[in-house]
Amino acid sequence: MSSCNQTSFFRFEAITEGFRWPLPEIQTVELLLAVIIFVTIHSLRQVKRQGLAVWPVLCMLPSLCLGLRQDIYEWVTRVLDSQNGTFLFRGPWFTSLNCLITADPRNLEHLLKTKFSSFPKGPYFQEIMHDLLGDGIFSADDEVWRRQRKAASLEFHSTSFRAMTAESLVELVHSRLLPILDSYNESSPIDLQDVLLRLTFDNVCIIAFGIDPGCLQPGLPEIPFARAFEYATEATILRFITPTSVWKAMRYLDIGSERTLRRCLKRVDEFAYQVIKTRKKELTLESVKKRSDLLTVFMSLKDENGEAFSDEFLRDICVNFILAGRDTSSVALAWFFWLLNKNPEVEEKVVEELRGVVKERRMQGGADSDELVFRPEEVKKMEYLQAALSEALRLYPSVPVDHKEAAEDEVLPDGTVMKKGSRVIYAIYSMGRMESIWGKDCREFKPERWLRDGRYWSESAYKFSAFNGGPRLCLGKDFAYYQMKFVAASILHRYHVKVVNNHPVAPKLAMTMYMKYGLKVTLHRRND
């Protein structure tokens, strides 16, 4: 080799020597990028087949987190729409977040009626809810549930109970609700959702405990029991979207939402046990007037061993009925008034129906319009109002989702195979927005879809599941409609309810479909 060539060769060696050592690392990076691209493409290709991207280890959790940042109910609806009404959510490895989600009416009828005994609430649901609900009717299964259901059903259909609930509602609406609304002028916004929650909380406490907590008083005072109950339900619902091992660790360490739950439950229990103690003393006095509240009724009954129910069991019964009765009617009414504001033609039809009732009363020599208290038989005649309330519940059901667990291997009507112990969530909110169920106008607010020849016509409980269906059909369905109709009619007869401009409206992730920011409205007196 010539000296010139040798010099050039050594010079090239010197230049390239510093670039040789990173080559293995560069190959590793390239390989890693290739794996990431392959995994990403493979995960995203699962969307068409499984509804969501399926990532290693995390599975569908990233998509769920994205849904939680947006509107989780609409997110679920979009996925269900793309999967013909049913899809399997796969949670991260080593967690218990896997579940089937369905909005198929055929599946609902199978779960709630045809194979009712094969789909209980199940251990998973009961473990999450037990601290709040104990062995109450809302979470109980089998004989414990049947015994409570039978006793409560007898009471709900008794004449004395119906009279008590109707009287308490009239008192609360005309002695508290309307005077409070009267105290606000047209330029003073009021959170109508908060006011309605106070109304139904007072009412359900009267029904369950036979006591009036006084939430709906002038000044709208803070009631510790009511606030503790609300925070306890919010903390409990977080367990459904948190891996079991995580929330159990938080409970053990007494941190975060679990600490909030423990403190709030302590206050709820103190209130409940004090009421139970006082009631027991009252019942020993012969002069005490016979009560019709659920607490008193269950105190007079015996368990399967012929023994009186324990204080813990009585507490569970009452807390369950408060949970079932407090939020459902109030949040439904809040969405109803918001929808009326967006659809003034519907409000006009409701008001016209009320004018007809008032006109008929006046013809019979009834009370003045301002003093008018709607009678039960008049409320029953409000067909269009019931249709409008049902339409609000279709679009914004008070309980947006519910839960079951397979007690044995099952095949659902749509062909989905379920293994014993697997969980299924039926998405009630999504069902109200499925074109396959309600037609192309499924997202429109149209009370007329509930009317036939001007009369209200109910839909199948497996198409319209706002009140559940089958053996677990809501015991208080009739009263809930009566309560909502009476409250809505009493307000709309006197006021035009106008939502404050630019007020944000969105559902809150909770057991019931609260409005996340409340419902700020102004009230305008009607002239007629």
Protein backbone atom coordinates (compact mmCIF):
# COMPACT_ATOMS: atom_id res chain seq x y z
CA MET A 1 0.00 0.00 0.00
CA SER A 2 1.40 3.37 -0.94
CA SER A 3 2.17 5.88 1.76
CA CYS A 4 -0.56 8.14 0.36
CA ASN A 5 -3.14 5.38 0.55
CA GLN A 6 -1.95 4.36 4.01
CA THR A 7 -2.31 7.94 5.22
CA SER A 8 -5.85 8.16 3.80
CA PHE A 9 -6.82 4.82 5.33
CA PHE A 10 -5.56 5.77 8.81
CA ARG A 11 -7.24 9.15 8.48
CA PHE A 12 -10.60 7.41 7.64
CA GLU A 13 -10.12 5.01 10.56
CA ALA A 14 -9.53 7.92 12.88
CA ILE A 15 -12.63 9.73 11.66
CA THR A 16 -14.95 6.70 11.86
CA GLU A 17 -13.57 5.28 15.07
CA GLY A 18 -15.75 7.53 17.26
CA PHE A 19 -18.91 6.49 15.42
CA ARG A 20 -18.59 2.75 15.83
CA TRP A 21 -19.52 2.37 19.48
CA PRO A 22 -23.20 3.65 19.29
CA LEU A 23 -24.27 1.17 16.58
CA PRO A 24 -25.63 -1.50 18.98
CA GLU A 25 -27.55 1.22 20.86
CA ILE A 26 -28.94 2.62 17.59
CA GLN A 27 -30.15 -0.85 16.65
CA THR A 28 -31.78 -1.23 20.05
CA VAL A 29 -33.61 2.10 19.70
CA GLU A 30 -34.76 1.14 16.20
CA LEU A 31 -35.98 -2.21 17.48
CA LEU A 32 -37.80 -0.53 20.38
CA LEU A 33 -39.46 1.97 18.02
CA ALA A 34 -40.50 -0.88 15.74
CA VAL A 35 -42.05 -2.75 18.69
CA ILE A 36 -43.88 0.40 19.85
CA ILE A 37 -45.23 1.02 16.35
CA PHE A 38 -46.29 -2.62 16.01
CA VAL A 39 -48.01 -2.66 19.43
CA THR A 40 -49.74 0.67 18.69
CA ILE A 41 -51.04 -0.50 15.32
CA HIS A 42 -52.11 -3.86 16.76
CA SER A 43 -53.86 -2.16 19.73
CA LEU A 44 -55.64 0.37 17.55
CA ARG A 45 -56.79 -2.35 15.15
CA GLN A 46 -58.77 -3.83 18.04
CA VAL A 47 -61.13 -0.83 17.95
CA LYS A 48 -63.25 -2.23 15.13
CA ARG A 49 -63.49 -5.70 16.68
CA GLN A 50 -63.67 -4.87 20.40
CA GLY A 51 -64.86 -1.26 20.46
CA LEU A 52 -61.72 0.19 22.07
CA ALA A 53 -57.96 -0.02 21.69
CA VAL A 54 -56.47 -2.85 23.75
CA TRP A 55 -52.98 -2.03 25.08
CA PRO A 56 -50.54 -4.40 26.76
CA VAL A 57 -50.94 -4.51 30.56
CA LEU A 58 -53.27 -1.48 30.65
CA CYS A 59 -55.77 -3.00 28.16
CA MET A 60 -58.66 -0.48 27.73
CA LEU A 61 -57.78 1.74 30.70
CA PRO A 62 -56.31 4.61 28.61
CA SER A 63 -59.58 4.88 26.67
CA LEU A 64 -61.57 4.87 29.91
CA CYS A 65 -59.40 7.67 31.31
CA LEU A 66 -60.09 9.68 28.17
CA GLY A 67 -63.82 9.04 28.62
CA LEU A 68 -63.68 10.18 32.25
CA ARG A 69 -62.08 13.46 31.15
CA GLN A 70 -64.93 14.03 28.73
CA ASP A 71 -68.54 12.87 29.25
CA ILE A 72 -68.28 9.25 30.37
CA TYR A 73 -71.92 8.47 29.55
CA GLU A 74 -71.66 9.78 25.99
CA TRP A 75 -68.35 7.96 25.60
CA VAL A 76 -69.99 4.65 26.56
CA THR A 77 -72.90 5.40 24.21
CA ARG A 78 -70.55 5.93 21.24
CA VAL A 79 -68.76 2.65 21.93
CA LEU A 80 -72.05 0.75 22.30
CA ASP A 81 -73.32 2.27 19.06
CA SER A 82 -70.23 1.00 17.24
CA GLN A 83 -70.63 -2.51 18.71
CA ASN A 84 -74.36 -3.07 18.14
CA GLY A 85 -75.27 -2.44 21.76
CA THR A 86 -72.86 -4.73 23.67
CA PHE A 87 -69.11 -4.77 24.29
CA LEU A 88 -66.62 -6.23 26.76
CA PHE A 89 -64.55 -3.73 28.71
CA ARG A 90 -61.15 -5.19 29.57
CA GLY A 91 -59.42 -3.58 32.55
CA PRO A 92 -55.68 -3.66 33.34
CA TRP A 93 -54.03 -6.98 34.07
CA PHE A 94 -54.38 -8.19 37.67
CA THR A 95 -57.40 -5.95 38.35
CA SER A 96 -61.14 -6.71 38.66
CA LEU A 97 -62.30 -4.00 36.24
CA ASN A 98 -63.38 -6.39 33.46
CA CYS A 99 -67.11 -6.25 32.70
CA LEU A 100 -69.65 -6.63 29.94
CA ILE A 101 -71.55 -3.44 29.04
CA THR A 102 -74.87 -3.74 27.22
CA ALA A 103 -77.76 -1.57 26.05
CA ASP A 104 -79.69 -4.33 24.26
CA PRO A 105 -83.32 -4.60 25.49
CA ARG A 106 -83.26 -8.36 24.84
CA ASN A 107 -80.33 -8.74 27.19
CA LEU A 108 -82.02 -6.58 29.82
CA GLU A 109 -85.16 -8.69 29.82
CA HIS A 110 -82.96 -11.78 30.18
CA LEU A 111 -81.07 -10.25 33.13
CA LEU A 112 -83.97 -8.61 34.93
CA LYS A 113 -86.78 -11.11 34.36
CA THR A 114 -86.18 -14.33 32.40
CA LYS A 115 -83.07 -15.36 34.35
CA PHE A 116 -83.53 -13.05 37.34
CA SER A 117 -82.17 -15.57 39.89
CA SER A 118 -79.06 -16.12 37.77
CA PHE A 119 -78.07 -12.45 37.86
CA PRO A 120 -77.93 -11.13 41.45
CA LYS A 121 -76.19 -7.94 42.52
CA GLY A 122 -73.32 -10.20 43.46
CA PRO A 123 -70.32 -10.15 45.82
CA TYR A 124 -68.39 -7.46 43.91
CA PHE A 125 -71.22 -4.91 44.13
CA GLN A 126 -71.98 -5.80 47.74
CA GLU A 127 -68.35 -5.47 48.82
CA ILE A 128 -68.12 -1.98 47.32
CA MET A 129 -71.48 -0.80 48.70
CA HIS A 130 -71.52 -2.58 52.06
CA ASP A 131 -69.99 0.23 54.14
CA LEU A 132 -72.76 2.58 52.97
CA LEU A 133 -75.74 0.28 52.42
CA GLY A 134 -75.02 -2.74 54.62
CA ASP A 135 -77.63 -5.46 54.06
CA GLY A 136 -80.34 -3.09 52.83
CA ILE A 137 -82.70 -3.77 49.93
CA PHE A 138 -80.66 -1.85 47.35
CA SER A 139 -77.67 -4.22 47.52
CA ALA A 140 -79.14 -7.36 49.13
CA ASP A 141 -79.79 -10.63 47.29
CA ASP A 142 -81.75 -13.82 47.82
CA GLU A 143 -83.83 -14.24 51.00
CA VAL A 144 -82.57 -11.04 52.66
CA TRP A 145 -83.78 -9.04 49.67
CA ARG A 146 -87.08 -10.93 49.34
CA ARG A 147 -87.99 -10.40 53.00
CA GLN A 148 -87.38 -6.65 52.82
CA ARG A 149 -89.09 -6.36 49.46
CA LYS A 150 -92.24 -8.10 50.70
CA ALA A 151 -92.54 -5.98 53.85
CA ALA A 152 -91.83 -2.72 52.02
CA SER A 153 -94.25 -3.60 49.23
CA LEU A 154 -97.09 -4.17 51.66
CA GLU A 155 -96.42 -0.82 53.29
CA PHE A 156 -96.03 1.12 50.04
CA HIS A 157 -99.48 -0.02 48.97
CA SER A 158 -101.21 0.63 52.30
CA THR A 159 -103.78 3.41 52.57
CA SER A 160 -102.10 4.98 55.60
CA PHE A 161 -98.70 5.14 53.87
CA ARG A 162 -100.15 6.72 50.73
CA ALA A 163 -102.00 9.29 52.81
CA MET A 164 -98.88 10.11 54.83
CA THR A 165 -96.69 10.60 51.75
CA ALA A 166 -99.29 12.76 49.99
CA GLU A 167 -99.84 14.95 53.06
CA SER A 168 -96.12 15.43 53.69
CA LEU A 169 -95.57 16.40 50.05
CA VAL A 170 -98.32 19.05 50.12
CA GLU A 171 -96.89 20.47 53.34
CA LEU A 172 -93.34 20.63 51.99
CA VAL A 173 -94.30 22.15 48.64
CA HIS A 174 -96.80 24.75 49.83
CA SER A 175 -95.33 25.67 53.22
CA ARG A 176 -91.64 25.60 52.24
CA LEU A 177 -90.80 25.21 48.55
CA LEU A 178 -93.11 27.86 47.10
CA PRO A 179 -92.41 30.48 49.83
CA ILE A 180 -88.68 30.01 49.25
CA LEU A 181 -89.12 30.42 45.49
CA ASP A 182 -91.27 33.51 46.14
CA SER A 183 -88.38 35.07 48.06
CA TYR A 184 -86.25 35.21 44.91
CA ASN A 185 -86.93 37.98 42.41
CA GLU A 186 -86.35 37.82 38.69
CA SER A 187 -82.79 39.13 38.96
CA SER A 188 -81.72 36.71 41.71
CA PRO A 189 -80.56 33.32 40.39
CA ILE A 190 -81.25 30.23 42.48
CA ASP A 191 -79.77 26.74 42.21
CA LEU A 192 -82.96 24.82 41.48
CA GLN A 193 -81.23 21.44 41.69
CA ASP A 194 -80.10 22.19 45.24
CA VAL A 195 -83.59 23.31 46.26
CA LEU A 196 -85.17 20.18 44.76
CA LEU A 197 -82.61 17.94 46.47
CA ARG A 198 -83.52 19.55 49.79
CA LEU A 199 -87.21 19.00 49.11
CA THR A 200 -86.88 15.31 48.26
CA PHE A 201 -84.40 14.71 51.11
CA ASP A 202 -86.86 16.09 53.68
CA ASN A 203 -89.65 14.08 52.07
CA VAL A 204 -87.80 10.76 51.96
CA CYS A 205 -86.57 11.16 55.55
CA ILE A 206 -90.19 11.59 56.63
CA ILE A 207 -91.07 8.42 54.71
CA ALA A 208 -88.08 6.35 55.89
CA PHE A 209 -87.36 7.63 59.42
CA GLY A 210 -90.52 9.54 60.26
CA ILE A 211 -88.45 12.64 60.99
CA ASP A 212 -88.04 15.96 59.19
CA PRO A 213 -84.38 17.09 58.90
CA GLY A 214 -85.45 20.59 57.79
CA CYS A 215 -83.21 20.99 54.73
CA LEU A 216 -85.86 23.09 52.99
CA GLN A 217 -86.05 25.98 55.44
CA PRO A 218 -85.66 29.74 54.85
CA GLY A 219 -81.99 30.50 54.28
CA LEU A 220 -81.43 26.93 53.03
CA PRO A 221 -79.38 25.84 56.08
CA GLU A 222 -76.55 23.33 55.94
CA ILE A 223 -77.73 20.02 57.42
CA PRO A 224 -74.76 17.87 58.57
CA PHE A 225 -76.55 14.55 58.02
CA ALA A 226 -77.62 15.49 54.49
CA ARG A 227 -74.16 16.73 53.54
CA ALA A 228 -72.47 13.66 55.05
CA PHE A 229 -74.85 11.37 53.16
CA GLU A 230 -74.07 13.10 49.86
CA TYR A 231 -70.30 12.93 50.36
CA ALA A 232 -70.54 9.27 51.42
CA THR A 233 -72.33 8.30 48.18
CA GLU A 234 -69.78 10.21 46.09
CA ALA A 235 -66.85 8.51 47.83
CA THR A 236 -68.48 5.10 47.44
CA ILE A 237 -68.99 5.45 43.67
CA LEU A 238 -65.25 6.07 43.22
CA ARG A 239 -64.66 2.46 44.25
CA PHE A 240 -66.26 1.26 41.00
CA ILE A 241 -63.55 2.91 38.88
CA THR A 242 -60.67 2.16 41.26
CA PRO A 243 -58.92 -1.24 41.37
CA THR A 244 -60.12 -3.17 44.44
CA SER A 245 -56.62 -3.53 45.87
CA VAL A 246 -56.10 0.24 45.61
CA TRP A 247 -59.26 1.38 47.41
CA LYS A 248 -58.80 -1.30 50.05
CA ALA A 249 -55.26 -0.06 50.65
CA MET A 250 -56.59 3.50 50.89
CA ARG A 251 -59.19 2.34 53.40
CA TYR A 252 -56.52 0.57 55.46
CA LEU A 253 -54.25 3.65 55.41
CA ASP A 254 -57.26 5.95 55.97
CA ILE A 255 -56.36 8.33 53.15
CA GLY A 256 -58.09 10.15 50.27
CA SER A 257 -61.71 9.36 49.43
CA GLU A 258 -61.74 6.42 51.85
CA ARG A 259 -60.98 8.74 54.74
CA THR A 260 -63.83 11.00 53.60
CA LEU A 261 -66.14 7.99 53.40
CA ARG A 262 -65.26 6.80 56.92
CA ARG A 263 -65.84 10.23 58.46
CA CYS A 264 -69.13 10.78 56.62
CA LEU A 265 -70.45 7.33 57.45
CA LYS A 266 -69.73 7.98 61.11
CA ARG A 267 -72.01 11.02 60.98
CA VAL A 268 -74.70 9.15 59.02
CA ASP A 269 -74.63 6.30 61.54
CA GLU A 270 -74.78 8.63 64.54
CA PHE A 271 -77.90 10.26 63.09
CA ALA A 272 -79.56 6.95 62.16
CA TYR A 273 -78.91 5.20 65.47
CA GLN A 274 -80.11 8.21 67.44
CA VAL A 275 -83.39 8.22 65.49
CA ILE A 276 -83.79 4.46 66.07
CA LYS A 277 -83.12 4.85 69.79
CA THR A 278 -85.63 7.69 70.09
CA ARG A 279 -88.29 5.81 68.10
CA LYS A 280 -87.98 2.75 70.32
CA LYS A 281 -88.63 4.92 73.36
CA GLU A 282 -91.60 6.57 71.66
CA LEU A 283 -93.18 3.23 70.78
CA THR A 284 -93.24 2.21 74.45
CA LEU A 285 -95.66 5.07 75.13
CA GLU A 286 -99.27 4.10 74.48
CA SER A 287 -100.25 7.71 73.82
CA VAL A 288 -97.98 8.03 70.77
CA LYS A 289 -99.90 8.26 67.51
CA LYS A 290 -99.44 5.27 65.20
CA ARG A 291 -96.81 6.04 62.56
CA SER A 292 -96.59 4.86 58.95
CA ASP A 293 -92.90 5.45 58.26
CA LEU A 294 -90.72 2.50 57.16
CA LEU A 295 -88.61 2.49 60.33
CA THR A 296 -91.67 2.03 62.54
CA VAL A 297 -93.10 -0.64 60.23
CA PHE A 298 -89.92 -2.73 60.28
CA MET A 299 -89.63 -2.32 64.06
CA SER A 300 -92.95 -4.14 64.38
CA LEU A 301 -91.76 -7.09 62.26
CA LYS A 302 -89.63 -10.13 63.15
CA ASP A 303 -86.74 -11.81 61.38
CA GLU A 304 -86.66 -15.46 60.24
CA ASN A 305 -85.88 -16.54 63.81
CA GLY A 306 -88.82 -14.67 65.30
CA GLU A 307 -86.54 -11.99 66.75
CA ALA A 308 -86.81 -8.22 66.39
CA PHE A 309 -84.56 -6.73 63.73
CA SER A 310 -81.24 -5.39 64.98
CA ASP A 311 -80.49 -1.67 65.06
CA GLU A 312 -77.89 -2.25 62.33
CA PHE A 313 -80.47 -3.84 60.05
CA LEU A 314 -82.97 -1.05 60.70
CA ARG A 315 -80.27 1.48 59.88
CA ASP A 316 -79.51 -0.30 56.60
CA ILE A 317 -83.17 -0.34 55.56
CA CYS A 318 -83.65 3.38 56.13
CA VAL A 319 -80.37 4.45 54.51
CA ASN A 320 -81.20 2.35 51.44
CA PHE A 321 -84.59 3.98 50.99
CA ILE A 322 -83.10 7.44 51.47
CA LEU A 323 -80.56 6.69 48.73
CA ALA A 324 -83.30 5.36 46.44
CA GLY A 325 -85.76 8.18 47.09
CA ARG A 326 -83.69 11.28 47.63
CA ASP A 327 -81.81 11.81 44.40
CA THR A 328 -83.94 10.08 41.80
CA SER A 329 -86.91 12.48 41.72
CA SER A 330 -84.92 15.66 42.32
CA VAL A 331 -82.31 15.14 39.59
CA ALA A 332 -85.03 14.03 37.16
CA LEU A 333 -86.90 17.28 37.84
CA ALA A 334 -83.73 19.34 37.37
CA TRP A 335 -83.13 17.82 33.91
CA PHE A 336 -86.84 18.24 33.14
CA PHE A 337 -86.76 22.00 33.81
CA TRP A 338 -83.56 22.36 31.78
CA LEU A 339 -85.14 20.53 28.85
CA LEU A 340 -88.26 22.70 29.07
CA ASN A 341 -86.05 25.78 28.85
CA LYS A 342 -84.54 24.39 25.63
CA ASN A 343 -87.95 23.37 24.26
CA PRO A 344 -90.41 26.22 24.98
CA GLU A 345 -93.11 24.62 22.82
CA VAL A 346 -93.21 21.68 25.25
CA GLU A 347 -93.44 24.00 28.23
CA GLU A 348 -96.38 25.78 26.62
CA LYS A 349 -98.22 22.48 26.17
CA VAL A 350 -97.59 21.52 29.81
CA VAL A 351 -98.82 24.90 31.00
CA GLU A 352 -101.88 24.66 28.75
CA GLU A 353 -102.73 21.32 30.37
CA LEU A 354 -102.41 22.91 33.82
CA ARG A 355 -104.65 25.79 32.74
CA GLY A 356 -107.28 23.23 31.81
CA VAL A 357 -107.12 21.72 35.31
CA VAL A 358 -107.37 25.17 36.93
CA LYS A 359 -110.27 26.16 34.66
CA GLU A 360 -112.17 23.02 35.61
CA ARG A 361 -111.55 23.73 39.30
CA ARG A 362 -112.82 27.30 38.96
CA MET A 363 -115.94 26.10 37.18
CA GLN A 364 -116.58 23.95 40.22
CA GLY A 365 -116.15 26.96 42.52
CA GLY A 366 -112.63 25.96 43.58
CA ALA A 367 -109.81 28.00 45.12
CA ASP A 368 -108.14 31.04 43.64
CA SER A 369 -105.30 30.32 41.20
CA ASP A 370 -102.52 31.45 43.56
CA GLU A 371 -103.79 29.33 46.46
CA LEU A 372 -104.56 26.27 44.41
CA VAL A 373 -103.29 22.93 45.69
CA PHE A 374 -103.53 20.24 43.05
CA ARG A 375 -105.57 17.24 44.18
CA PRO A 376 -104.42 13.63 43.60
CA GLU A 377 -107.18 13.04 41.04
CA GLU A 378 -106.12 16.20 39.18
CA VAL A 379 -102.47 15.17 39.17
CA LYS A 380 -103.48 11.81 37.73
CA LYS A 381 -105.13 13.57 34.75
CA MET A 382 -101.89 15.38 33.77
CA GLU A 383 -101.08 13.03 30.90
CA TYR A 384 -98.88 15.35 28.87
CA LEU A 385 -96.88 16.33 31.95
CA GLN A 386 -96.23 12.65 32.69
CA ALA A 387 -95.17 12.14 29.09
CA ALA A 388 -92.73 15.08 29.33
CA LEU A 389 -91.28 13.74 32.59
CA SER A 390 -90.88 10.27 31.06
CA GLU A 391 -89.12 11.81 28.09
CA ALA A 392 -86.74 13.63 30.45
CA LEU A 393 -86.06 10.34 32.25
CA ARG A 394 -85.44 8.60 28.93
CA LEU A 395 -82.74 11.09 28.01
CA TYR A 396 -81.39 11.66 31.53
CA PRO A 397 -82.27 8.65 33.71
CA SER A 398 -81.71 9.28 37.40
CA VAL A 399 -79.68 6.05 37.64
CA PRO A 400 -77.59 6.03 34.43
CA VAL A 401 -76.13 2.52 34.85
CA ASP A 402 -76.81 -0.55 36.96
CA HIS A 403 -74.91 -3.71 37.78
CA LYS A 404 -75.43 -7.49 37.87
CA GLU A 405 -73.21 -10.53 38.26
CA ALA A 406 -73.59 -13.95 36.62
CA ALA A 407 -74.20 -16.67 39.19
CA GLU A 408 -73.58 -19.35 36.52
CA ASP A 409 -72.45 -19.66 32.91
CA GLU A 410 -74.92 -17.89 30.63
CA VAL A 411 -75.50 -17.02 26.98
CA LEU A 412 -77.33 -13.71 26.47
CA PRO A 413 -79.99 -13.36 23.73
CA ASP A 414 -77.56 -11.43 21.49
CA GLY A 415 -75.18 -14.42 21.61
CA THR A 416 -72.72 -13.01 24.17
CA VAL A 417 -71.22 -15.75 26.35
CA MET A 418 -70.83 -14.97 30.05
CA LYS A 419 -68.84 -17.06 32.51
CA LYS A 420 -69.86 -17.56 36.13
CA GLY A 421 -68.72 -14.61 38.26
CA SER A 422 -68.43 -12.19 35.34
CA ARG A 423 -70.09 -8.81 35.73
CA VAL A 424 -72.48 -6.99 33.43
CA ILE A 425 -73.41 -3.31 33.42
CA TYR A 426 -76.57 -2.25 31.65
CA ALA A 427 -76.23 1.29 30.37
CA ILE A 428 -79.65 2.90 30.91
CA TYR A 429 -78.43 6.32 29.75
CA SER A 430 -77.15 4.88 26.48
CA MET A 431 -80.39 3.00 25.83
CA GLY A 432 -82.29 6.28 25.65
CA ARG A 433 -79.96 7.39 22.85
CA MET A 434 -79.91 4.24 20.72
CA GLU A 435 -81.41 4.74 17.27
CA SER A 436 -82.13 1.01 17.10
CA ILE A 437 -84.44 1.37 20.13
CA TRP A 438 -86.04 4.81 19.78
CA GLY A 439 -85.63 5.69 16.10
CA LYS A 440 -83.76 8.42 14.24
CA ASP A 441 -85.17 11.14 16.53
CA CYS A 442 -83.83 9.38 19.65
CA ARG A 443 -81.93 12.47 20.84
CA GLU A 444 -84.89 14.82 20.47
CA PHE A 445 -87.08 15.80 23.42
CA LYS A 446 -90.51 14.66 22.19
CA PRO A 447 -93.13 13.90 24.88
CA GLU A 448 -95.54 12.94 22.07
CA ARG A 449 -93.75 9.60 21.68
CA TRP A 450 -95.39 8.61 24.99
CA LEU A 451 -98.94 9.52 23.94
CA ARG A 452 -101.57 7.55 22.06
CA ASP A 453 -104.81 9.38 21.32
CA GLY A 454 -103.79 11.96 23.90
CA ARG A 455 -103.36 9.38 26.67
CA TYR A 456 -100.07 8.46 28.34
CA TRP A 457 -98.77 5.07 27.20
CA SER A 458 -95.96 3.40 29.15
CA GLU A 459 -93.12 1.54 27.43
CA SER A 460 -91.61 -1.84 28.27
CA ALA A 461 -89.38 -1.76 31.36
CA TYR A 462 -86.64 -3.37 29.23
CA LYS A 463 -86.73 -0.54 26.72
CA PHE A 464 -87.29 2.23 29.26
CA SER A 465 -85.40 1.08 32.38
CA ALA A 466 -85.38 4.27 34.44
CA PHE A 467 -87.29 2.39 37.16
CA ASN A 468 -85.52 -0.96 36.64
CA GLY A 469 -87.65 -3.97 35.70
CA GLY A 470 -88.70 -7.48 36.61
CA PRO A 471 -88.89 -8.47 40.30
CA ARG A 472 -86.68 -5.48 41.23
CA LEU A 473 -88.99 -2.94 39.58
CA CYS A 474 -88.85 0.23 41.70
CA LEU A 475 -91.36 0.02 44.56
CA GLY A 476 -91.72 3.78 44.59
CA LYS A 477 -92.36 4.22 40.85
CA ASP A 478 -95.96 5.40 41.24
CA PHE A 479 -95.09 7.73 44.11
CA ALA A 480 -92.07 9.08 42.19
CA TYR A 481 -94.29 10.03 39.26
CA TYR A 482 -96.85 11.56 41.60
CA GLN A 483 -94.15 13.52 43.44
CA MET A 484 -92.55 14.79 40.23
CA LYS A 485 -95.88 15.74 38.66
CA PHE A 486 -97.10 17.51 41.79
CA VAL A 487 -93.87 19.49 42.23
CA ALA A 488 -93.52 20.36 38.53
CA ALA A 489 -97.17 21.39 38.23
CA SER A 490 -97.02 23.51 41.40
CA ILE A 491 -93.95 25.38 40.09
CA LEU A 492 -95.00 25.75 36.44
CA HIS A 493 -98.48 26.94 37.42
CA ARG A 494 -96.84 29.94 39.10
CA TYR A 495 -93.47 30.48 37.35
CA HIS A 496 -91.67 30.42 34.06
CA VAL A 497 -88.31 28.88 34.94
CA LYS A 498 -85.47 30.35 32.88
CA VAL A 499 -81.95 28.90 32.96
CA VAL A 500 -79.27 31.56 33.45
CA ASN A 501 -77.48 32.43 30.20
CA ASN A 502 -74.25 30.50 29.59
CA HIS A 503 -74.79 28.34 32.68
CA PRO A 504 -72.72 25.16 32.12
CA VAL A 505 -74.74 21.95 32.20
CA ALA A 506 -73.10 18.53 32.34
CA PRO A 507 -73.73 15.26 34.19
CA LYS A 508 -71.62 14.41 37.20
CA LEU A 509 -70.02 10.99 37.72
CA ALA A 510 -72.11 9.76 40.63
CA MET A 511 -74.59 7.06 41.60
CA THR A 512 -77.35 9.29 40.28
CA MET A 513 -77.20 11.77 37.40
CA TYR A 514 -76.57 15.03 39.22
CA MET A 515 -75.93 18.17 37.22
CA LYS A 516 -72.25 18.81 37.82
CA TYR A 517 -72.65 22.58 38.29
CA GLY A 518 -76.21 22.63 39.61
CA LEU A 519 -79.01 24.39 37.72
CA LYS A 520 -78.94 28.15 38.07
CA VAL A 521 -82.30 29.67 37.12
CA THR A 522 -84.35 32.80 37.49
CA LEU A 523 -88.07 32.63 38.26
CA HIS A 524 -90.62 34.77 36.44
CA ARG A 525 -94.18 34.98 37.77
CA ARG A 526 -96.93 34.06 35.33
CA ASN A 527 -99.64 36.66 34.84
CA ASP A 528 -102.51 34.30 34.14
